């Protein structure tokens, strides 16, 4: 029996590993992480736990053992190894190379909701803004038009480079009528996984938000902030509630392609204002 988690639907090795583990535990509640680590040849189950959480990469040397554990075929194991190579790529050229190999190995179209890990895409909010701008009813793919329509500061050359990246990563493509269209319904990043690209993205978003505070009319924006005490056990539920609220808001109010009149950025920050007292002098 093949693994019920279809690896060809993933472009994130951590997410595949995590959901494969969840499936394994679903089949056998007595199967422990320690047992799986031993099965894979990993000396410490704590190390495997960190891999599943995205705190450390999964080494390619364990790929064959993983394939045996999950009943993966040779092509599926090769896809997983290539996925690791893709994630370790340092340059756009390397990412393009391994992305093409992934597409060659995948048997069909990938799911429309992508787990995006490309540093080139994530680090700059301009990329996401341009993708969303394609839903504007007056959208024009000319970089000069995009620059004039954007509220955030970006040069024509930066916009041209963003369009090139989005095209090469196949997030945007020209349709049969010569109109630039997004290729995927939703583009999202991984949750609760450390990423330098995501840190860069959120720092840039906060800079744009700070600028908008000074430049945009109060009737066209909404800023709120509140400090409150919580129990640590409540944090996972709070995070899930925030994600659900954002998803529900988008589902209810997002305009269909070709009918949007403006593009808005919704961001939230939920972070500690206090340090732990554990280990400190009282």
C-alpha atoms as a PDB file:
ATOM      1  CA  UNK A   1       0.000   0.000   0.000  1.00  0.00           C
ATOM      2  CA  UNK A   2       1.373   3.402  -0.990  1.00  0.00           C
ATOM      3  CA  UNK A   3       1.584   6.293   1.438  1.00  0.00           C
ATOM      4  CA  UNK A   4      -1.773   8.072   1.583  1.00  0.00           C
ATOM      5  CA  UNK A   5      -0.066  11.475   1.614  1.00  0.00           C
ATOM      6  CA  UNK A   6       0.645  12.271  -2.048  1.00  0.00           C
ATOM      7  CA  UNK A   7       4.153  13.704  -2.134  1.00  0.00           C
ATOM      8  CA  UNK A   8       3.645  15.149  -5.610  1.00  0.00           C
ATOM      9  CA  UNK A   9       1.211  17.652  -4.112  1.00  0.00           C
ATOM     10  CA  UNK A  10       3.938  19.234  -1.972  1.00  0.00           C
ATOM     11  CA  UNK A  11       6.670  21.777  -2.517  1.00  0.00           C
ATOM     12  CA  UNK A  12       7.670  21.795   1.153  1.00  0.00           C
ATOM     13  CA  UNK A  13       9.509  18.808   2.644  1.00  0.00           C
ATOM     14  CA  UNK A  14       8.699  19.741   6.251  1.00  0.00           C
ATOM     15  CA  UNK A  15       4.976  19.882   5.576  1.00  0.00           C
ATOM     16  CA  UNK A  16       5.117  16.497   3.824  1.00  0.00           C
ATOM     17  CA  UNK A  17       7.076  14.989   6.722  1.00  0.00           C
ATOM     18  CA  UNK A  18       4.692  16.442   9.309  1.00  0.00           C
ATOM     19  CA  UNK A  19       1.526  15.277   7.560  1.00  0.00           C
ATOM     20  CA  UNK A  20       3.032  11.848   6.872  1.00  0.00           C
ATOM     21  CA  UNK A  21       3.734  11.501  10.593  1.00  0.00           C
ATOM     22  CA  UNK A  22       0.166  12.528  11.397  1.00  0.00           C
ATOM     23  CA  UNK A  23      -1.108   9.842   9.011  1.00  0.00           C
ATOM     24  CA  UNK A  24       1.193   7.243  10.567  1.00  0.00           C
ATOM     25  CA  UNK A  25      -0.065   8.072  14.041  1.00  0.00           C
ATOM     26  CA  UNK A  26      -3.617   7.973  12.725  1.00  0.00           C
ATOM     27  CA  UNK A  27      -3.113   4.396  11.533  1.00  0.00           C
ATOM     28  CA  UNK A  28      -1.394   3.276  14.739  1.00  0.00           C
ATOM     29  CA  UNK A  29      -1.739   5.302  17.937  1.00  0.00           C
ATOM     30  CA  UNK A  30       0.881   3.119  19.621  1.00  0.00           C
ATOM     31  CA  UNK A  31       3.544   3.995  17.058  1.00  0.00           C
ATOM     32  CA  UNK A  32       5.861   6.507  18.740  1.00  0.00           C
ATOM     33  CA  UNK A  33       8.173   9.145  17.352  1.00  0.00           C
ATOM     34  CA  UNK A  34      11.033   7.309  19.038  1.00  0.00           C
ATOM     35  CA  UNK A  35      10.117   4.154  17.095  1.00  0.00           C
ATOM     36  CA  UNK A  36       9.949   6.060  13.812  1.00  0.00           C
ATOM     37  CA  UNK A  37      13.323   7.703  14.432  1.00  0.00           C
ATOM     38  CA  UNK A  38      14.831   4.238  15.026  1.00  0.00           C
ATOM     39  CA  UNK A  39      13.162   2.963  11.864  1.00  0.00           C
ATOM     40  CA  UNK A  40      14.702   5.832   9.860  1.00  0.00           C
ATOM     41  CA  UNK A  41      18.150   5.388  11.408  1.00  0.00           C
ATOM     42  CA  UNK A  42      18.029   8.725  13.230  1.00  0.00           C
ATOM     43  CA  UNK A  43      19.848   8.437  16.552  1.00  0.00           C
ATOM     44  CA  UNK A  44      17.586  10.774  18.536  1.00  0.00           C
ATOM     45  CA  UNK A  45      13.810  11.075  18.350  1.00  0.00           C
ATOM     46  CA  UNK A  46      14.287  14.670  19.507  1.00  0.00           C
ATOM     47  CA  UNK A  47      16.165  15.340  16.278  1.00  0.00           C
ATOM     48  CA  UNK A  48      13.282  13.908  14.241  1.00  0.00           C
ATOM     49  CA  UNK A  49      10.838  16.015  16.276  1.00  0.00           C
ATOM     50  CA  UNK A  50      12.809  19.140  15.311  1.00  0.00           C
ATOM     51  CA  UNK A  51      12.685  18.093  11.647  1.00  0.00           C
ATOM     52  CA  UNK A  52       8.918  17.650  11.773  1.00  0.00           C
ATOM     53  CA  UNK A  53       8.569  21.082  13.398  1.00  0.00           C
ATOM     54  CA  UNK A  54      10.791  22.676  10.742  1.00  0.00           C
ATOM     55  CA  UNK A  55      13.467  23.591  13.281  1.00  0.00           C
ATOM     56  CA  UNK A  56      16.140  21.711  11.338  1.00  0.00           C
ATOM     57  CA  UNK A  57      16.321  20.321   7.770  1.00  0.00           C
ATOM     58  CA  UNK A  58      15.744  16.677   6.909  1.00  0.00           C
ATOM     59  CA  UNK A  59      19.068  15.217   5.613  1.00  0.00           C
ATOM     60  CA  UNK A  60      18.948  13.507   2.217  1.00  0.00           C
ATOM     61  CA  UNK A  61      20.817  10.506   3.636  1.00  0.00           C
ATOM     62  CA  UNK A  62      17.587   9.432   5.363  1.00  0.00           C
ATOM     63  CA  UNK A  63      15.434   9.777   2.239  1.00  0.00           C
ATOM     64  CA  UNK A  64      15.631   6.101   1.212  1.00  0.00           C
ATOM     65  CA  UNK A  65      14.730   4.940   4.728  1.00  0.00           C
ATOM     66  CA  UNK A  66      11.848   7.424   4.760  1.00  0.00           C
ATOM     67  CA  UNK A  67      10.673   6.047   1.438  1.00  0.00           C
ATOM     68  CA  UNK A  68      10.706   2.494   2.811  1.00  0.00           C
ATOM     69  CA  UNK A  69       8.830   3.600   5.923  1.00  0.00           C
ATOM     70  CA  UNK A  70       6.141   5.371   3.896  1.00  0.00           C
ATOM     71  CA  UNK A  71       6.005   2.799   1.063  1.00  0.00           C
ATOM     72  CA  UNK A  72       7.174   5.368  -1.481  1.00  0.00           C
ATOM     73  CA  UNK A  73       8.233   4.364  -4.961  1.00  0.00           C
ATOM     74  CA  UNK A  74      11.640   5.235  -6.422  1.00  0.00           C
ATOM     75  CA  UNK A  75      10.233   8.239  -8.302  1.00  0.00           C
ATOM     76  CA  UNK A  76       8.590   9.538  -5.129  1.00  0.00           C
ATOM     77  CA  UNK A  77      11.836   9.234  -3.177  1.00  0.00           C
ATOM     78  CA  UNK A  78      13.650  11.072  -5.967  1.00  0.00           C
ATOM     79  CA  UNK A  79      11.007  13.812  -5.836  1.00  0.00           C
ATOM     80  CA  UNK A  80      11.544  14.164  -2.073  1.00  0.00           C
ATOM     81  CA  UNK A  81      15.338  14.367  -2.515  1.00  0.00           C
ATOM     82  CA  UNK A  82      14.900  16.990  -5.234  1.00  0.00           C
ATOM     83  CA  UNK A  83      12.545  18.903  -2.952  1.00  0.00           C
ATOM     84  CA  UNK A  84      15.298  19.061  -0.343  1.00  0.00           C
ATOM     85  CA  UNK A  85      17.736  20.315  -3.002  1.00  0.00           C
ATOM     86  CA  UNK A  86      15.188  22.952  -4.040  1.00  0.00           C
ATOM     87  CA  UNK A  87      14.812  24.203  -0.470  1.00  0.00           C
ATOM     88  CA  UNK A  88      18.576  24.373   0.055  1.00  0.00           C
ATOM     89  CA  UNK A  89      19.124  26.406  -3.115  1.00  0.00           C
ATOM     90  CA  UNK A  90      20.893  29.674  -2.488  1.00  0.00           C
ATOM     91  CA  UNK A  91      20.308  31.384  -5.837  1.00  0.00           C
ATOM     92  CA  UNK A  92      17.329  31.877  -8.151  1.00  0.00           C
ATOM     93  CA  UNK A  93      19.177  29.915 -10.852  1.00  0.00           C
ATOM     94  CA  UNK A  94      19.513  26.913  -8.533  1.00  0.00           C
ATOM     95  CA  UNK A  95      15.845  27.194  -7.520  1.00  0.00           C
ATOM     96  CA  UNK A  96      14.824  27.286 -11.184  1.00  0.00           C
ATOM     97  CA  UNK A  97      16.884  24.163 -11.887  1.00  0.00           C
ATOM     98  CA  UNK A  98      15.369  22.095  -9.085  1.00  0.00           C
ATOM     99  CA  UNK A  99      11.889  23.542  -9.644  1.00  0.00           C
ATOM    100  CA  UNK A 100      12.044  22.279 -13.234  1.00  0.00           C
ATOM    101  CA  UNK A 101      13.131  18.848 -11.999  1.00  0.00           C
ATOM    102  CA  UNK A 102      10.227  18.781  -9.575  1.00  0.00           C
ATOM    103  CA  UNK A 103       7.811  19.599 -12.391  1.00  0.00           C
ATOM    104  CA  UNK A 104       9.307  16.844 -14.541  1.00  0.00           C
ATOM    105  CA  UNK A 105       8.897  14.318 -11.735  1.00  0.00           C
ATOM    106  CA  UNK A 106       5.344  15.340 -10.737  1.00  0.00           C
ATOM    107  CA  UNK A 107       2.779  13.368 -12.781  1.00  0.00           C
ATOM    108  CA  UNK A 108       0.206  16.134 -13.180  1.00  0.00           C
ATOM    109  CA  UNK A 109      -0.865  19.625 -12.182  1.00  0.00           C
ATOM    110  CA  UNK A 110       0.004  20.613  -8.614  1.00  0.00           C
ATOM    111  CA  UNK A 111      -2.648  21.752  -6.149  1.00  0.00           C
ATOM    112  CA  UNK A 112      -3.746  25.370  -6.459  1.00  0.00           C
ATOM    113  CA  UNK A 113      -2.818  26.254  -2.869  1.00  0.00           C
ATOM    114  CA  UNK A 114       0.978  26.396  -2.663  1.00  0.00           C
ATOM    115  CA  UNK A 115       3.210  26.185   0.382  1.00  0.00           C
ATOM    116  CA  UNK A 116       5.660  28.802  -0.816  1.00  0.00           C
ATOM    117  CA  UNK A 117       9.261  28.720   0.375  1.00  0.00           C
ATOM    118  CA  UNK A 118      10.997  30.599  -2.406  1.00  0.00           C
ATOM    119  CA  UNK A 119      13.152  33.299  -0.810  1.00  0.00           C
ATOM    120  CA  UNK A 120      12.896  35.374  -3.968  1.00  0.00           C
ATOM    121  CA  UNK A 121       9.108  35.409  -3.730  1.00  0.00           C
ATOM    122  CA  UNK A 122       8.608  35.742   0.017  1.00  0.00           C
ATOM    123  CA  UNK A 123      11.116  38.360   1.011  1.00  0.00           C
ATOM    124  CA  UNK A 124       9.466  41.247  -0.867  1.00  0.00           C
ATOM    125  CA  UNK A 125       5.772  42.167  -0.341  1.00  0.00           C
ATOM    126  CA  UNK A 126       5.884  43.772  -3.795  1.00  0.00           C
ATOM    127  CA  UNK A 127       5.539  40.308  -5.339  1.00  0.00           C
ATOM    128  CA  UNK A 128       2.328  39.504  -3.500  1.00  0.00           C
ATOM    129  CA  UNK A 129       0.963  42.980  -4.198  1.00  0.00           C
ATOM    130  CA  UNK A 130       1.479  42.554  -7.953  1.00  0.00           C
ATOM    131  CA  UNK A 131      -0.193  39.126  -7.910  1.00  0.00           C
ATOM    132  CA  UNK A 132      -3.227  40.619  -6.172  1.00  0.00           C
ATOM    133  CA  UNK A 133      -3.254  43.619  -8.512  1.00  0.00           C
ATOM    134  CA  UNK A 134      -4.109  41.299 -11.400  1.00  0.00           C
ATOM    135  CA  UNK A 135      -7.633  41.119  -9.887  1.00  0.00           C
ATOM    136  CA  UNK A 136      -8.139  44.879 -10.382  1.00  0.00           C
ATOM    137  CA  UNK A 137     -10.767  45.624 -13.015  1.00  0.00           C
ATOM    138  CA  UNK A 138      -8.446  48.145 -14.702  1.00  0.00           C
ATOM    139  CA  UNK A 139      -5.228  46.101 -14.309  1.00  0.00           C
ATOM    140  CA  UNK A 140      -2.448  46.778 -16.792  1.00  0.00           C
ATOM    141  CA  UNK A 141       0.767  44.720 -16.785  1.00  0.00           C
ATOM    142  CA  UNK A 142       2.861  47.694 -17.885  1.00  0.00           C
ATOM    143  CA  UNK A 143       5.471  48.358 -15.138  1.00  0.00           C
ATOM    144  CA  UNK A 144       4.909  52.123 -15.343  1.00  0.00           C
ATOM    145  CA  UNK A 145       1.152  51.654 -14.806  1.00  0.00           C
ATOM    146  CA  UNK A 146       1.823  49.331 -11.866  1.00  0.00           C
ATOM    147  CA  UNK A 147       4.206  51.871 -10.301  1.00  0.00           C
ATOM    148  CA  UNK A 148       1.622  54.660 -10.578  1.00  0.00           C
ATOM    149  CA  UNK A 149      -1.121  52.456  -9.104  1.00  0.00           C
ATOM    150  CA  UNK A 150       0.988  51.176  -6.198  1.00  0.00           C
ATOM    151  CA  UNK A 151       0.773  52.963  -2.852  1.00  0.00           C
ATOM    152  CA  UNK A 152       4.097  51.446  -1.766  1.00  0.00           C
ATOM    153  CA  UNK A 153       7.357  52.831  -3.069  1.00  0.00           C
ATOM    154  CA  UNK A 154       8.901  50.742  -5.865  1.00  0.00           C
ATOM    155  CA  UNK A 155      10.942  51.665  -8.915  1.00  0.00           C
ATOM    156  CA  UNK A 156      10.057  50.581 -12.454  1.00  0.00           C
ATOM    157  CA  UNK A 157      13.148  48.344 -12.469  1.00  0.00           C
ATOM    158  CA  UNK A 158      12.075  46.691  -9.197  1.00  0.00           C
ATOM    159  CA  UNK A 159       8.635  46.053 -10.678  1.00  0.00           C
ATOM    160  CA  UNK A 160      10.175  44.594 -13.847  1.00  0.00           C
ATOM    161  CA  UNK A 161      12.325  42.281 -11.724  1.00  0.00           C
ATOM    162  CA  UNK A 162       9.307  41.240  -9.657  1.00  0.00           C
ATOM    163  CA  UNK A 163       7.355  40.448 -12.836  1.00  0.00           C
ATOM    164  CA  UNK A 164      10.291  38.386 -14.104  1.00  0.00           C
ATOM    165  CA  UNK A 165      10.498  36.381 -10.867  1.00  0.00           C
ATOM    166  CA  UNK A 166       6.728  35.825 -10.731  1.00  0.00           C
ATOM    167  CA  UNK A 167       6.744  34.657 -14.327  1.00  0.00           C
ATOM    168  CA  UNK A 168       9.692  32.307 -13.839  1.00  0.00           C
ATOM    169  CA  UNK A 169       8.164  30.852 -10.680  1.00  0.00           C
ATOM    170  CA  UNK A 170       4.926  30.459 -12.676  1.00  0.00           C
ATOM    171  CA  UNK A 171       2.818  32.507 -10.292  1.00  0.00           C
ATOM    172  CA  UNK A 172       1.803  34.752 -13.193  1.00  0.00           C
ATOM    173  CA  UNK A 173       1.259  33.826 -16.840  1.00  0.00           C
ATOM    174  CA  UNK A 174      -0.224  35.531 -19.898  1.00  0.00           C
ATOM    175  CA  UNK A 175      -3.506  33.979 -21.031  1.00  0.00           C
ATOM    176  CA  UNK A 176      -4.674  33.456 -24.625  1.00  0.00           C
ATOM    177  CA  UNK A 177      -5.877  37.080 -24.715  1.00  0.00           C
ATOM    178  CA  UNK A 178      -2.484  38.420 -23.669  1.00  0.00           C
ATOM    179  CA  UNK A 179      -3.696  39.335 -20.170  1.00  0.00           C
ATOM    180  CA  UNK A 180      -1.498  38.600 -17.161  1.00  0.00           C
ATOM    181  CA  UNK A 181      -3.245  36.159 -14.819  1.00  0.00           C
ATOM    182  CA  UNK A 182      -2.393  34.523 -11.498  1.00  0.00           C
ATOM    183  CA  UNK A 183      -1.851  30.776 -11.779  1.00  0.00           C
ATOM    184  CA  UNK A 184      -2.914  29.692  -8.297  1.00  0.00           C
ATOM    185  CA  UNK A 185      -6.010  30.494  -6.278  1.00  0.00           C
ATOM    186  CA  UNK A 186      -4.131  30.878  -2.998  1.00  0.00           C
ATOM    187  CA  UNK A 187      -0.476  31.345  -2.202  1.00  0.00           C
ATOM    188  CA  UNK A 188       0.484  30.857   1.417  1.00  0.00           C
ATOM    189  CA  UNK A 189       3.584  30.316   3.487  1.00  0.00           C
ATOM    190  CA  UNK A 190       4.194  27.528   5.959  1.00  0.00           C
ATOM    191  CA  UNK A 191       2.886  27.985   9.514  1.00  0.00           C
ATOM    192  CA  UNK A 192       5.100  27.952  12.590  1.00  0.00           C
ATOM    193  CA  UNK A 193       8.261  27.220  10.581  1.00  0.00           C
ATOM    194  CA  UNK A 194      11.370  29.379  10.930  1.00  0.00           C
ATOM    195  CA  UNK A 195      12.196  31.207   7.727  1.00  0.00           C
ATOM    196  CA  UNK A 196      14.567  34.081   7.010  1.00  0.00           C
ATOM    197  CA  UNK A 197      12.453  34.967   3.980  1.00  0.00           C
ATOM    198  CA  UNK A 198       9.320  35.276   6.100  1.00  0.00           C
ATOM    199  CA  UNK A 199      11.135  37.443   8.634  1.00  0.00           C
ATOM    200  CA  UNK A 200      12.240  39.752   5.813  1.00  0.00           C
ATOM    201  CA  UNK A 201       8.682  39.804   4.470  1.00  0.00           C
ATOM    202  CA  UNK A 202       7.120  40.829   7.772  1.00  0.00           C
ATOM    203  CA  UNK A 203       9.784  43.476   8.438  1.00  0.00           C
ATOM    204  CA  UNK A 204       9.019  44.986   5.033  1.00  0.00           C
ATOM    205  CA  UNK A 205       5.267  44.801   5.665  1.00  0.00           C
ATOM    206  CA  UNK A 206       5.676  46.660   8.972  1.00  0.00           C
ATOM    207  CA  UNK A 207       7.708  49.373   7.234  1.00  0.00           C
ATOM    208  CA  UNK A 208       4.937  49.814   4.652  1.00  0.00           C
ATOM    209  CA  UNK A 209       2.328  49.894   7.438  1.00  0.00           C
ATOM    210  CA  UNK A 210       4.307  52.604   9.231  1.00  0.00           C
ATOM    211  CA  UNK A 211       4.428  54.703   6.052  1.00  0.00           C
ATOM    212  CA  UNK A 212       0.686  54.235   5.431  1.00  0.00           C
ATOM    213  CA  UNK A 213      -0.043  55.494   8.958  1.00  0.00           C
ATOM    214  CA  UNK A 214       1.274  58.887   7.856  1.00  0.00           C
ATOM    215  CA  UNK A 215       0.130  58.997   4.229  1.00  0.00           C
ATOM    216  CA  UNK A 216      -3.332  57.379   4.087  1.00  0.00           C
ATOM    217  CA  UNK A 217      -6.617  58.896   5.184  1.00  0.00           C
ATOM    218  CA  UNK A 218      -7.956  57.508   8.472  1.00  0.00           C
ATOM    219  CA  UNK A 219     -11.233  56.605   6.741  1.00  0.00           C
ATOM    220  CA  UNK A 220      -9.354  54.311   4.348  1.00  0.00           C
ATOM    221  CA  UNK A 221      -7.346  52.369   6.920  1.00  0.00           C
ATOM    222  CA  UNK A 222      -7.849  50.635  10.278  1.00  0.00           C
ATOM    223  CA  UNK A 223      -5.122  50.293  12.923  1.00  0.00           C
ATOM    224  CA  UNK A 224      -5.742  48.687  16.310  1.00  0.00           C
ATOM    225  CA  UNK A 225      -3.488  47.548  19.141  1.00  0.00           C
ATOM    226  CA  UNK A 226      -4.204  46.069  22.557  1.00  0.00           C
ATOM    227  CA  UNK A 227      -2.114  44.532  25.343  1.00  0.00           C
ATOM    228  CA  UNK A 228      -3.647  41.756  27.469  1.00  0.00           C
ATOM    229  CA  UNK A 229      -2.595  38.925  29.736  1.00  0.00           C
ATOM    230  CA  UNK A 230      -2.855  35.284  28.610  1.00  0.00           C
ATOM    231  CA  UNK A 231      -2.067  31.792  29.825  1.00  0.00           C
ATOM    232  CA  UNK A 232       0.554  29.975  27.749  1.00  0.00           C
ATOM    233  CA  UNK A 233      -1.862  27.100  27.251  1.00  0.00           C
ATOM    234  CA  UNK A 234      -4.170  29.515  25.374  1.00  0.00           C
ATOM    235  CA  UNK A 235      -1.593  30.567  22.783  1.00  0.00           C
ATOM    236  CA  UNK A 236      -2.248  27.794  20.206  1.00  0.00           C
ATOM    237  CA  UNK A 237      -5.991  28.508  20.281  1.00  0.00           C
ATOM    238  CA  UNK A 238      -5.416  32.265  20.012  1.00  0.00           C
ATOM    239  CA  UNK A 239      -3.200  31.757  16.967  1.00  0.00           C
ATOM    240  CA  UNK A 240      -5.782  29.492  15.349  1.00  0.00           C
ATOM    241  CA  UNK A 241      -8.544  32.031  16.043  1.00  0.00           C
ATOM    242  CA  UNK A 242      -6.489  34.793  14.413  1.00  0.00           C
ATOM    243  CA  UNK A 243      -5.894  32.639  11.334  1.00  0.00           C
ATOM    244  CA  UNK A 244      -9.578  31.699  11.125  1.00  0.00           C
ATOM    245  CA  UNK A 245     -10.661  35.330  11.479  1.00  0.00           C
ATOM    246  CA  UNK A 246      -8.374  36.421   8.651  1.00  0.00           C
ATOM    247  CA  UNK A 247      -9.489  33.544   6.429  1.00  0.00           C
ATOM    248  CA  UNK A 248     -13.178  34.265   7.098  1.00  0.00           C
ATOM    249  CA  UNK A 249     -12.683  37.973   6.393  1.00  0.00           C
ATOM    250  CA  UNK A 250     -11.000  37.247   3.067  1.00  0.00           C
ATOM    251  CA  UNK A 251     -13.642  34.665   2.107  1.00  0.00           C
ATOM    252  CA  UNK A 252     -16.436  37.140   2.794  1.00  0.00           C
ATOM    253  CA  UNK A 253     -15.020  40.279   1.235  1.00  0.00           C
ATOM    254  CA  UNK A 254     -12.452  39.354  -1.432  1.00  0.00           C
ATOM    255  CA  UNK A 255     -13.584  40.604  -4.846  1.00  0.00           C
ATOM    256  CA  UNK A 256     -13.496  38.191  -7.758  1.00  0.00           C
ATOM    257  CA  UNK A 257     -10.826  38.674 -10.424  1.00  0.00           C
ATOM    258  CA  UNK A 258     -11.512  41.693 -12.574  1.00  0.00           C
ATOM    259  CA  UNK A 259     -13.808  43.418 -10.088  1.00  0.00           C
ATOM    260  CA  UNK A 260     -11.415  44.652  -7.358  1.00  0.00           C
ATOM    261  CA  UNK A 261     -11.165  48.432  -7.052  1.00  0.00           C
ATOM    262  CA  UNK A 262      -8.200  48.545  -4.644  1.00  0.00           C
ATOM    263  CA  UNK A 263      -5.768  46.074  -3.074  1.00  0.00           C
ATOM    264  CA  UNK A 264      -5.449  46.083   0.714  1.00  0.00           C
ATOM    265  CA  UNK A 265      -2.869  44.503   2.998  1.00  0.00           C
ATOM    266  CA  UNK A 266      -4.140  42.917   6.213  1.00  0.00           C
ATOM    267  CA  UNK A 267      -1.418  42.177   8.768  1.00  0.00           C
ATOM    268  CA  UNK A 268      -1.500  41.218  12.420  1.00  0.00           C
ATOM    269  CA  UNK A 269       1.142  40.984  15.136  1.00  0.00           C
ATOM    270  CA  UNK A 270       0.695  38.868  18.249  1.00  0.00           C
ATOM    271  CA  UNK A 271       3.851  38.850  20.356  1.00  0.00           C
ATOM    272  CA  UNK A 272       5.074  38.953  23.930  1.00  0.00           C
ATOM    273  CA  UNK A 273       5.602  42.215  25.793  1.00  0.00           C
ATOM    274  CA  UNK A 274       7.135  40.409  28.783  1.00  0.00           C
ATOM    275  CA  UNK A 275      10.062  38.043  29.258  1.00  0.00           C
ATOM    276  CA  UNK A 276       9.922  34.715  31.055  1.00  0.00           C
ATOM    277  CA  UNK A 277      11.085  34.813  34.676  1.00  0.00           C
ATOM    278  CA  UNK A 278      12.299  31.211  34.492  1.00  0.00           C
ATOM    279  CA  UNK A 279      16.035  31.049  35.133  1.00  0.00           C
ATOM    280  CA  UNK A 280      16.226  34.669  36.313  1.00  0.00           C
ATOM    281  CA  UNK A 281      16.979  35.955  39.807  1.00  0.00           C
ATOM    282  CA  UNK A 282      13.841  36.712  41.795  1.00  0.00           C
END
